[in-house]
Amino acid sequence: MIGGLQDRILEHRYSGSFLLNHPLGFYQARKLLRVVEVPGHEEMSKTVKRLQPDCLLRTFTPGGPAVLESAGARVPVLSLALLPDNKAFSGVDQQMEQVASNAVDLVAEQLIHGRRGIPRSCKTILTSGRWVNRLK
């Protein structure tokens, strides 16, 4: 399940990556992908009943296990953007503290070297995600 607004903001990179890299191929993977505007009980319940998945891979974490349990499904929920205070999910911790620290370092570097405005060439810093396993 992918949040529609989030996928549009990211220029469909979540859904595109899923479809292009899925081992079943684009057309088979398309049947597995659900893009929902407002993830809730009804959408999740329909998806679980229709697809009977081994797990749900989500780009958002609010409300998942409670919604699934109320829908009568016992499906592990994995998140691509695990919130630090959410203890109910397994998934990828984006390490936002490290991302913030890197942003401060970039600004400090510009100040120290007397650079102002938008740099001529962009600098990209990647922070590896960390898998958090909370499956029972």
C-alpha atoms as a PDB file:
ATOM      1  CA  MET A   1       0.000   0.000   0.000  1.00  0.00           C
ATOM      2  CA  ILE A   2       1.308   3.386  -0.970  1.00  0.00           C
ATOM      3  CA  GLY A   3      -0.164   6.686   0.107  1.00  0.00           C
ATOM      4  CA  GLY A   4      -1.307   8.506  -3.034  1.00  0.00           C
ATOM      5  CA  LEU A   5      -0.262  11.977  -1.891  1.00  0.00           C
ATOM      6  CA  GLN A   6       3.174  10.763  -0.804  1.00  0.00           C
ATOM      7  CA  ASP A   7       3.699   8.933  -4.097  1.00  0.00           C
ATOM      8  CA  ARG A   8       2.776  12.067  -6.090  1.00  0.00           C
ATOM      9  CA  ILE A   9       5.076  14.264  -3.991  1.00  0.00           C
ATOM     10  CA  LEU A  10       7.899  11.831  -4.711  1.00  0.00           C
ATOM     11  CA  GLU A  11       7.002  11.860  -8.417  1.00  0.00           C
ATOM     12  CA  HIS A  12       5.793   8.238  -8.271  1.00  0.00           C
ATOM     13  CA  ARG A  13       9.219   6.940  -7.268  1.00  0.00           C
ATOM     14  CA  TYR A  14       7.809   4.518  -4.673  1.00  0.00           C
ATOM     15  CA  SER A  15       5.304   2.930  -7.020  1.00  0.00           C
ATOM     16  CA  GLY A  16       7.664   3.062 -10.006  1.00  0.00           C
ATOM     17  CA  SER A  17      10.491   1.417  -8.109  1.00  0.00           C
ATOM     18  CA  PHE A  18       8.181  -1.310  -6.838  1.00  0.00           C
ATOM     19  CA  LEU A  19       6.883  -2.041 -10.333  1.00  0.00           C
ATOM     20  CA  LEU A  20      10.248  -1.905 -12.104  1.00  0.00           C
ATOM     21  CA  ASN A  21      12.169  -3.969  -9.562  1.00  0.00           C
ATOM     22  CA  HIS A  22       9.621  -6.601  -8.576  1.00  0.00           C
ATOM     23  CA  PRO A  23      10.797 -10.145  -9.438  1.00  0.00           C
ATOM     24  CA  LEU A  24       7.416 -11.000 -11.034  1.00  0.00           C
ATOM     25  CA  GLY A  25       7.775  -8.230 -13.595  1.00  0.00           C
ATOM     26  CA  PHE A  26       5.836  -5.039 -14.207  1.00  0.00           C
ATOM     27  CA  TYR A  27       2.448  -6.458 -15.218  1.00  0.00           C
ATOM     28  CA  GLN A  28       2.210  -9.031 -12.414  1.00  0.00           C
ATOM     29  CA  ALA A  29       3.516  -6.570  -9.813  1.00  0.00           C
ATOM     30  CA  ARG A  30       0.868  -4.041 -10.869  1.00  0.00           C
ATOM     31  CA  LYS A  31      -1.799  -6.390  -9.487  1.00  0.00           C
ATOM     32  CA  LEU A  32      -0.091  -6.350  -6.073  1.00  0.00           C
ATOM     33  CA  LEU A  33       0.239  -2.587  -5.732  1.00  0.00           C
ATOM     34  CA  ARG A  34      -2.431  -0.498  -3.974  1.00  0.00           C
ATOM     35  CA  VAL A  35      -2.192   3.282  -4.021  1.00  0.00           C
ATOM     36  CA  VAL A  36      -4.706   4.750  -1.564  1.00  0.00           C
ATOM     37  CA  GLU A  37      -5.553   8.351  -0.755  1.00  0.00           C
ATOM     38  CA  VAL A  38      -6.762   7.871   2.799  1.00  0.00           C
ATOM     39  CA  PRO A  39      -5.582   4.556   4.206  1.00  0.00           C
ATOM     40  CA  GLY A  40      -8.181   3.213   6.548  1.00  0.00           C
ATOM     41  CA  HIS A  41     -10.139   0.181   7.630  1.00  0.00           C
ATOM     42  CA  GLU A  42     -12.112  -0.256   4.412  1.00  0.00           C
ATOM     43  CA  GLU A  43      -9.167   0.086   2.003  1.00  0.00           C
ATOM     44  CA  MET A  44      -6.910  -2.198   4.027  1.00  0.00           C
ATOM     45  CA  SER A  45      -9.645  -4.758   4.557  1.00  0.00           C
ATOM     46  CA  LYS A  46     -10.420  -4.878   0.811  1.00  0.00           C
ATOM     47  CA  THR A  47      -6.743  -5.216  -0.058  1.00  0.00           C
ATOM     48  CA  VAL A  48      -6.085  -8.014   2.419  1.00  0.00           C
ATOM     49  CA  LYS A  49      -9.192  -9.970   1.379  1.00  0.00           C
ATOM     50  CA  ARG A  50      -8.523  -9.563  -2.335  1.00  0.00           C
ATOM     51  CA  LEU A  51      -4.775 -10.254  -2.411  1.00  0.00           C
ATOM     52  CA  GLN A  52      -4.308 -12.477   0.666  1.00  0.00           C
ATOM     53  CA  PRO A  53      -0.731 -11.175   1.077  1.00  0.00           C
ATOM     54  CA  ASP A  54       2.027 -12.639   3.227  1.00  0.00           C
ATOM     55  CA  CYS A  55       2.653  -9.093   4.489  1.00  0.00           C
ATOM     56  CA  LEU A  56       1.826  -5.475   3.728  1.00  0.00           C
ATOM     57  CA  LEU A  57       4.655  -3.160   2.747  1.00  0.00           C
ATOM     58  CA  ARG A  58       3.630   0.409   3.480  1.00  0.00           C
ATOM     59  CA  THR A  59       5.071   3.855   2.962  1.00  0.00           C
ATOM     60  CA  PHE A  60       3.257   5.192   6.014  1.00  0.00           C
ATOM     61  CA  THR A  61       2.832   3.721   9.474  1.00  0.00           C
ATOM     62  CA  PRO A  62      -0.174   5.197  11.313  1.00  0.00           C
ATOM     63  CA  GLY A  63      -2.970   2.842  12.300  1.00  0.00           C
ATOM     64  CA  GLY A  64      -1.874  -0.333  10.534  1.00  0.00           C
ATOM     65  CA  PRO A  65      -2.020  -3.198  13.030  1.00  0.00           C
ATOM     66  CA  ALA A  66      -5.165  -1.953  14.779  1.00  0.00           C
ATOM     67  CA  VAL A  67      -6.946  -1.499  11.455  1.00  0.00           C
ATOM     68  CA  LEU A  68      -5.864  -4.920  10.227  1.00  0.00           C
ATOM     69  CA  GLU A  69      -6.867  -6.672  13.426  1.00  0.00           C
ATOM     70  CA  SER A  70     -10.268  -4.982  13.378  1.00  0.00           C
ATOM     71  CA  ALA A  71     -10.648  -6.210   9.786  1.00  0.00           C
ATOM     72  CA  GLY A  72      -9.972  -9.754  11.008  1.00  0.00           C
ATOM     73  CA  ALA A  73      -6.590 -10.125   9.305  1.00  0.00           C
ATOM     74  CA  ARG A  74      -3.341 -11.225  10.853  1.00  0.00           C
ATOM     75  CA  VAL A  75      -0.854  -9.900   8.306  1.00  0.00           C
ATOM     76  CA  PRO A  76       2.555  -8.485   9.254  1.00  0.00           C
ATOM     77  CA  VAL A  77       2.913  -4.816   8.315  1.00  0.00           C
ATOM     78  CA  LEU A  78       6.320  -3.594   7.166  1.00  0.00           C
ATOM     79  CA  SER A  79       7.057   0.087   6.707  1.00  0.00           C
ATOM     80  CA  LEU A  80       9.477   1.847   4.353  1.00  0.00           C
ATOM     81  CA  ALA A  81       9.378   4.921   6.579  1.00  0.00           C
ATOM     82  CA  LEU A  82       9.274   3.652  10.146  1.00  0.00           C
ATOM     83  CA  LEU A  83       8.444   6.318  12.690  1.00  0.00           C
ATOM     84  CA  PRO A  84      10.790   6.221  15.704  1.00  0.00           C
ATOM     85  CA  ASP A  85       7.981   6.162  18.278  1.00  0.00           C
ATOM     86  CA  ASN A  86       6.024   3.377  16.554  1.00  0.00           C
ATOM     87  CA  LYS A  87       6.814   0.099  18.280  1.00  0.00           C
ATOM     88  CA  ALA A  88       4.200  -1.991  16.428  1.00  0.00           C
ATOM     89  CA  PHE A  89       5.929  -2.221  13.029  1.00  0.00           C
ATOM     90  CA  SER A  90       8.983  -3.734  11.487  1.00  0.00           C
ATOM     91  CA  GLY A  91      10.551  -1.759   8.695  1.00  0.00           C
ATOM     92  CA  VAL A  92      13.194   0.704   7.604  1.00  0.00           C
ATOM     93  CA  ASP A  93      14.266   3.351  10.101  1.00  0.00           C
ATOM     94  CA  GLN A  94      15.247   6.318   7.940  1.00  0.00           C
ATOM     95  CA  GLN A  95      17.476   7.590  10.800  1.00  0.00           C
ATOM     96  CA  MET A  96      16.030  11.092  10.719  1.00  0.00           C
ATOM     97  CA  GLU A  97      18.355  12.274  13.481  1.00  0.00           C
ATOM     98  CA  GLN A  98      21.324  11.503  11.223  1.00  0.00           C
ATOM     99  CA  VAL A  99      19.638  13.141   8.229  1.00  0.00           C
ATOM    100  CA  ALA A 100      19.094  16.301  10.323  1.00  0.00           C
ATOM    101  CA  SER A 101      22.706  16.222  11.514  1.00  0.00           C
ATOM    102  CA  ASN A 102      23.915  15.959   7.910  1.00  0.00           C
ATOM    103  CA  ALA A 103      21.764  18.958   6.950  1.00  0.00           C
ATOM    104  CA  VAL A 104      23.292  21.044   9.742  1.00  0.00           C
ATOM    105  CA  ASP A 105      26.783  19.977   8.608  1.00  0.00           C
ATOM    106  CA  LEU A 106      26.038  21.138   5.052  1.00  0.00           C
ATOM    107  CA  VAL A 107      24.880  24.558   6.247  1.00  0.00           C
ATOM    108  CA  ALA A 108      27.873  24.863   8.608  1.00  0.00           C
ATOM    109  CA  GLU A 109      30.232  23.997   5.743  1.00  0.00           C
ATOM    110  CA  GLN A 110      28.756  26.782   3.616  1.00  0.00           C
ATOM    111  CA  LEU A 111      29.077  29.289   6.463  1.00  0.00           C
ATOM    112  CA  ILE A 112      32.671  28.298   7.260  1.00  0.00           C
ATOM    113  CA  HIS A 113      33.722  28.667   3.603  1.00  0.00           C
ATOM    114  CA  GLY A 114      31.821  31.931   3.154  1.00  0.00           C
ATOM    115  CA  ARG A 115      29.458  30.519   0.558  1.00  0.00           C
ATOM    116  CA  ARG A 116      26.029  32.058   0.168  1.00  0.00           C
ATOM    117  CA  GLY A 117      22.940  31.170  -1.803  1.00  0.00           C
ATOM    118  CA  ILE A 118      22.297  28.063  -3.828  1.00  0.00           C
ATOM    119  CA  PRO A 119      25.492  26.146  -4.661  1.00  0.00           C
ATOM    120  CA  ARG A 120      26.501  25.815  -8.331  1.00  0.00           C
ATOM    121  CA  SER A 121      26.700  22.064  -8.030  1.00  0.00           C
ATOM    122  CA  CYS A 122      24.525  20.046  -5.719  1.00  0.00           C
ATOM    123  CA  LYS A 123      26.009  17.883  -3.016  1.00  0.00           C
ATOM    124  CA  THR A 124      24.227  14.639  -2.226  1.00  0.00           C
ATOM    125  CA  ILE A 125      24.655  12.882   1.094  1.00  0.00           C
ATOM    126  CA  LEU A 126      23.038   9.497   1.588  1.00  0.00           C
ATOM    127  CA  THR A 127      22.178   8.050   4.957  1.00  0.00           C
ATOM    128  CA  SER A 128      21.578   4.315   4.999  1.00  0.00           C
ATOM    129  CA  GLY A 129      18.298   3.101   6.361  1.00  0.00           C
ATOM    130  CA  ARG A 130      18.406   0.604   9.217  1.00  0.00           C
ATOM    131  CA  TRP A 131      16.128  -2.463   9.288  1.00  0.00           C
ATOM    132  CA  VAL A 132      14.152  -2.787  12.531  1.00  0.00           C
ATOM    133  CA  ASN A 133      12.646  -6.245  13.090  1.00  0.00           C
ATOM    134  CA  ARG A 134       9.647  -6.315  15.406  1.00  0.00           C
ATOM    135  CA  LEU A 135       7.905  -9.341  13.900  1.00  0.00           C
ATOM    136  CA  LYS A 136       6.856 -11.938  16.418  1.00  0.00           C
END
